[in-house]
Amino acid sequence: MANQTPKQGSSGPNLKALGLKSPMEVFDILALLLIDGEPVIKEDKSLLDPKAKAQAVAEYFMQKFSLKLIDLPYLASQVKHDIKHGQIGKGIR
């Protein structure tokens, strides 16, 4: 029988199972990336304001890659894993 514990107010992916500590960590990781030499966050002000950062990251990945908001934790988890294992490092501010 599967564990039927209720989720914490959302129907999104289980962040702990993905190795992420909080929803904001998803945006923190993705906000610092450089993709094809282009920063995900173009204005430094957006890095300081959590809501602006989350909005800018979500918009970037929706426009460039047609990713939905629910897909971002999976991407952030993979990026975090690759950083930890030294597979990527260049392209991060």
N, C-alpha and C. Protein backbone atom coordinates (compact mmCIF):
# COMPACT_ATOMS: atom_id res chain seq x y z
N MET A 1 0.85 -1.18 0.00
CA MET A 1 0.00 0.00 0.00
C MET A 1 0.89 1.24 0.00
N ALA A 2 0.60 2.19 -0.84
CA ALA A 2 1.40 3.42 -0.96
C ALA A 2 1.15 4.34 0.21
N ASN A 3 2.14 5.13 0.53
CA ASN A 3 2.03 6.11 1.59
C ASN A 3 1.08 7.22 1.14
N GLN A 4 0.02 7.45 1.87
CA GLN A 4 -1.02 8.41 1.47
C GLN A 4 -0.91 9.72 2.25
N THR A 5 0.29 10.15 2.61
CA THR A 5 0.42 11.40 3.35
C THR A 5 0.05 12.57 2.46
N PRO A 6 -0.68 13.53 3.02
CA PRO A 6 -1.09 14.68 2.21
C PRO A 6 0.09 15.56 1.85
N LYS A 7 -0.02 16.18 0.69
CA LYS A 7 1.04 17.08 0.24
C LYS A 7 0.84 18.44 0.87
N GLN A 8 1.89 19.23 0.91
CA GLN A 8 1.85 20.54 1.54
C GLN A 8 1.27 21.59 0.61
N GLY A 9 -0.04 21.61 0.45
CA GLY A 9 -0.71 22.69 -0.24
C GLY A 9 -0.53 22.79 -1.75
N SER A 10 0.10 21.83 -2.39
CA SER A 10 0.24 21.92 -3.84
C SER A 10 0.17 20.53 -4.45
N SER A 11 -0.06 20.54 -5.73
CA SER A 11 -0.12 19.26 -6.43
C SER A 11 1.09 19.08 -7.33
N GLY A 12 2.13 19.85 -7.10
CA GLY A 12 3.35 19.77 -7.90
C GLY A 12 4.23 18.62 -7.49
N PRO A 13 5.41 18.55 -8.07
CA PRO A 13 6.34 17.46 -7.76
C PRO A 13 6.87 17.55 -6.33
N ASN A 14 7.29 16.42 -5.81
CA ASN A 14 7.86 16.34 -4.47
C ASN A 14 9.29 16.88 -4.53
N LEU A 15 9.49 18.08 -4.00
CA LEU A 15 10.80 18.73 -4.08
C LEU A 15 11.88 17.97 -3.33
N LYS A 16 11.54 17.42 -2.17
CA LYS A 16 12.54 16.68 -1.41
C LYS A 16 13.02 15.45 -2.17
N ALA A 17 12.11 14.80 -2.85
CA ALA A 17 12.48 13.63 -3.65
C ALA A 17 13.39 14.02 -4.81
N LEU A 18 13.28 15.27 -5.26
CA LEU A 18 14.13 15.77 -6.34
C LEU A 18 15.45 16.34 -5.82
N GLY A 19 15.64 16.33 -4.49
CA GLY A 19 16.87 16.85 -3.91
C GLY A 19 16.86 18.36 -3.74
N LEU A 20 15.68 18.94 -3.73
CA LEU A 20 15.55 20.39 -3.57
C LEU A 20 14.94 20.70 -2.20
N LYS A 21 15.36 21.81 -1.62
CA LYS A 21 14.94 22.14 -0.27
C LYS A 21 13.67 22.99 -0.22
N SER A 22 13.45 23.80 -1.24
CA SER A 22 12.30 24.70 -1.22
C SER A 22 11.92 25.09 -2.64
N PRO A 23 10.72 25.60 -2.82
CA PRO A 23 10.34 26.08 -4.15
C PRO A 23 11.25 27.21 -4.64
N MET A 24 11.71 28.04 -3.74
CA MET A 24 12.57 29.16 -4.15
C MET A 24 13.93 28.66 -4.64
N GLU A 25 14.38 27.51 -4.16
CA GLU A 25 15.66 26.96 -4.63
C GLU A 25 15.60 26.65 -6.12
N VAL A 26 14.43 26.25 -6.60
CA VAL A 26 14.24 25.98 -8.03
C VAL A 26 14.61 27.23 -8.82
N PHE A 27 14.05 28.37 -8.41
CA PHE A 27 14.28 29.62 -9.12
C PHE A 27 15.70 30.15 -8.90
N ASP A 28 16.24 29.93 -7.70
CA ASP A 28 17.62 30.37 -7.42
C ASP A 28 18.62 29.67 -8.34
N ILE A 29 18.44 28.37 -8.51
CA ILE A 29 19.36 27.60 -9.36
C ILE A 29 19.24 28.03 -10.82
N LEU A 30 18.02 28.09 -11.31
CA LEU A 30 17.81 28.41 -12.72
C LEU A 30 18.13 29.85 -13.06
N ALA A 31 17.99 30.76 -12.09
CA ALA A 31 18.24 32.18 -12.33
C ALA A 31 19.71 32.47 -12.61
N LEU A 32 20.60 31.64 -12.13
CA LEU A 32 22.03 31.89 -12.27
C LEU A 32 22.65 31.28 -13.52
N LEU A 33 21.85 30.59 -14.31
CA LEU A 33 22.39 29.94 -15.50
C LEU A 33 22.66 30.92 -16.64
N LEU A 34 23.65 30.56 -17.42
CA LEU A 34 23.88 31.18 -18.72
C LEU A 34 23.58 30.10 -19.75
N ILE A 35 22.69 30.38 -20.67
CA ILE A 35 22.32 29.40 -21.68
C ILE A 35 22.68 29.99 -23.04
N ASP A 36 23.57 29.32 -23.75
CA ASP A 36 24.09 29.82 -25.03
C ASP A 36 24.66 31.23 -24.87
N GLY A 37 25.34 31.45 -23.75
CA GLY A 37 25.98 32.74 -23.49
C GLY A 37 25.03 33.83 -23.04
N GLU A 38 23.76 33.52 -22.90
CA GLU A 38 22.75 34.50 -22.50
C GLU A 38 22.29 34.20 -21.08
N PRO A 39 22.31 35.20 -20.19
CA PRO A 39 21.83 34.95 -18.83
C PRO A 39 20.32 34.78 -18.81
N VAL A 40 19.85 33.91 -17.94
CA VAL A 40 18.42 33.72 -17.76
C VAL A 40 17.81 35.01 -17.20
N ILE A 41 18.48 35.61 -16.23
CA ILE A 41 18.04 36.88 -15.64
C ILE A 41 18.92 37.98 -16.22
N LYS A 42 18.30 38.89 -16.90
CA LYS A 42 19.06 39.95 -17.55
C LYS A 42 19.24 41.18 -16.67
N GLU A 43 18.31 41.44 -15.77
CA GLU A 43 18.41 42.60 -14.88
C GLU A 43 18.76 42.13 -13.47
N ASP A 44 19.82 42.73 -12.92
CA ASP A 44 20.27 42.33 -11.58
C ASP A 44 19.21 42.58 -10.52
N LYS A 45 18.33 43.55 -10.73
CA LYS A 45 17.27 43.84 -9.76
C LYS A 45 16.38 42.62 -9.55
N SER A 46 16.18 41.87 -10.61
CA SER A 46 15.32 40.68 -10.51
C SER A 46 15.94 39.60 -9.63
N LEU A 47 17.25 39.59 -9.51
CA LEU A 47 17.90 38.60 -8.63
C LEU A 47 17.63 38.89 -7.16
N LEU A 48 17.37 40.14 -6.83
CA LEU A 48 17.18 40.53 -5.44
C LEU A 48 15.74 40.38 -4.96
N ASP A 49 14.79 40.45 -5.86
CA ASP A 49 13.38 40.35 -5.51
C ASP A 49 12.88 38.95 -5.86
N PRO A 50 12.51 38.15 -4.85
CA PRO A 50 12.10 36.76 -5.11
C PRO A 50 10.95 36.62 -6.11
N LYS A 51 9.96 37.49 -6.00
CA LYS A 51 8.82 37.39 -6.93
C LYS A 51 9.24 37.72 -8.35
N ALA A 52 10.04 38.76 -8.50
CA ALA A 52 10.52 39.16 -9.83
C ALA A 52 11.43 38.08 -10.42
N LYS A 53 12.24 37.45 -9.56
CA LYS A 53 13.13 36.38 -10.02
C LYS A 53 12.32 35.19 -10.52
N ALA A 54 11.33 34.77 -9.73
CA ALA A 54 10.50 33.64 -10.12
C ALA A 54 9.76 33.93 -11.43
N GLN A 55 9.25 35.13 -11.56
CA GLN A 55 8.52 35.49 -12.78
C GLN A 55 9.46 35.52 -13.99
N ALA A 56 10.64 36.10 -13.82
CA ALA A 56 11.59 36.20 -14.93
C ALA A 56 12.07 34.81 -15.37
N VAL A 57 12.34 33.94 -14.42
CA VAL A 57 12.79 32.58 -14.74
C VAL A 57 11.68 31.82 -15.47
N ALA A 58 10.47 31.89 -14.93
CA ALA A 58 9.36 31.18 -15.54
C ALA A 58 9.11 31.68 -16.96
N GLU A 59 9.14 32.98 -17.16
CA GLU A 59 8.92 33.55 -18.49
C GLU A 59 10.03 33.13 -19.46
N TYR A 60 11.27 33.15 -18.99
CA TYR A 60 12.40 32.78 -19.85
C TYR A 60 12.23 31.35 -20.38
N PHE A 61 11.98 30.42 -19.47
CA PHE A 61 11.89 29.02 -19.89
C PHE A 61 10.61 28.72 -20.67
N MET A 62 9.54 29.48 -20.42
CA MET A 62 8.33 29.30 -21.23
C MET A 62 8.55 29.82 -22.65
N GLN A 63 9.19 30.98 -22.78
CA GLN A 63 9.40 31.57 -24.10
C GLN A 63 10.45 30.82 -24.91
N LYS A 64 11.57 30.51 -24.29
CA LYS A 64 12.68 29.89 -25.02
C LYS A 64 12.49 28.40 -25.29
N PHE A 65 11.91 27.69 -24.34
CA PHE A 65 11.87 26.23 -24.43
C PHE A 65 10.47 25.63 -24.28
N SER A 66 9.45 26.47 -24.18
CA SER A 66 8.06 26.02 -24.01
C SER A 66 7.89 25.11 -22.80
N LEU A 67 8.67 25.36 -21.76
CA LEU A 67 8.53 24.59 -20.52
C LEU A 67 7.44 25.21 -19.67
N LYS A 68 6.67 24.37 -19.03
CA LYS A 68 5.64 24.83 -18.11
C LYS A 68 6.25 24.99 -16.73
N LEU A 69 5.56 25.73 -15.90
CA LEU A 69 6.03 25.99 -14.54
C LEU A 69 6.26 24.68 -13.77
N ILE A 70 5.41 23.71 -14.00
CA ILE A 70 5.54 22.43 -13.29
C ILE A 70 6.79 21.65 -13.70
N ASP A 71 7.37 21.98 -14.86
CA ASP A 71 8.58 21.29 -15.34
C ASP A 71 9.86 21.84 -14.72
N LEU A 72 9.82 23.04 -14.20
CA LEU A 72 11.04 23.70 -13.72
C LEU A 72 11.72 22.97 -12.55
N PRO A 73 10.99 22.39 -11.59
CA PRO A 73 11.69 21.65 -10.53
C PRO A 73 12.53 20.49 -11.05
N TYR A 74 12.05 19.81 -12.08
CA TYR A 74 12.81 18.70 -12.65
C TYR A 74 14.10 19.20 -13.30
N LEU A 75 13.99 20.31 -14.01
CA LEU A 75 15.17 20.91 -14.64
C LEU A 75 16.17 21.37 -13.58
N ALA A 76 15.67 22.05 -12.55
CA ALA A 76 16.55 22.54 -11.49
C ALA A 76 17.23 21.38 -10.76
N SER A 77 16.51 20.30 -10.55
CA SER A 77 17.08 19.13 -9.89
C SER A 77 18.23 18.54 -10.71
N GLN A 78 18.04 18.46 -12.03
CA GLN A 78 19.09 17.93 -12.90
C GLN A 78 20.30 18.85 -12.92
N VAL A 79 20.05 20.16 -12.98
CA VAL A 79 21.16 21.13 -12.97
C VAL A 79 21.93 21.02 -11.66
N LYS A 80 21.21 20.94 -10.54
CA LYS A 80 21.87 20.81 -9.24
C LYS A 80 22.70 19.53 -9.17
N HIS A 81 22.16 18.44 -9.66
CA HIS A 81 22.88 17.17 -9.68
C HIS A 81 24.16 17.29 -10.51
N ASP A 82 24.04 17.89 -11.69
CA ASP A 82 25.21 18.03 -12.57
C ASP A 82 26.26 18.95 -11.98
N ILE A 83 25.85 19.99 -11.28
CA ILE A 83 26.81 20.89 -10.63
C ILE A 83 27.55 20.13 -9.53
N LYS A 84 26.81 19.39 -8.71
CA LYS A 84 27.42 18.63 -7.61
C LYS A 84 28.44 17.62 -8.11
N HIS A 85 28.19 17.06 -9.27
CA HIS A 85 29.07 16.02 -9.81
C HIS A 85 30.08 16.56 -10.81
N GLY A 86 30.19 17.88 -10.87
CA GLY A 86 31.22 18.51 -11.70
C GLY A 86 31.00 18.39 -13.19
N GLN A 87 29.80 18.07 -13.59
CA GLN A 87 29.54 17.92 -15.01
C GLN A 87 29.28 19.25 -15.70
N ILE A 88 28.82 20.23 -14.94
CA ILE A 88 28.69 21.59 -15.47
C ILE A 88 29.24 22.56 -14.43
N GLY A 89 29.65 23.67 -14.86
CA GLY A 89 30.20 24.67 -13.96
C GLY A 89 30.42 25.96 -14.72
N LYS A 90 30.83 25.81 -15.95
CA LYS A 90 30.91 26.97 -16.81
C LYS A 90 29.50 27.31 -17.21
N GLY A 91 29.22 28.58 -17.34
CA GLY A 91 27.88 28.99 -17.71
C GLY A 91 27.03 29.33 -16.51
N ILE A 92 27.64 29.34 -15.32
CA ILE A 92 26.94 29.76 -14.12
C ILE A 92 27.63 31.00 -13.60
N ARG A 93 26.85 32.03 -13.36
CA ARG A 93 27.44 33.27 -12.85
C ARG A 93 27.96 33.08 -11.46
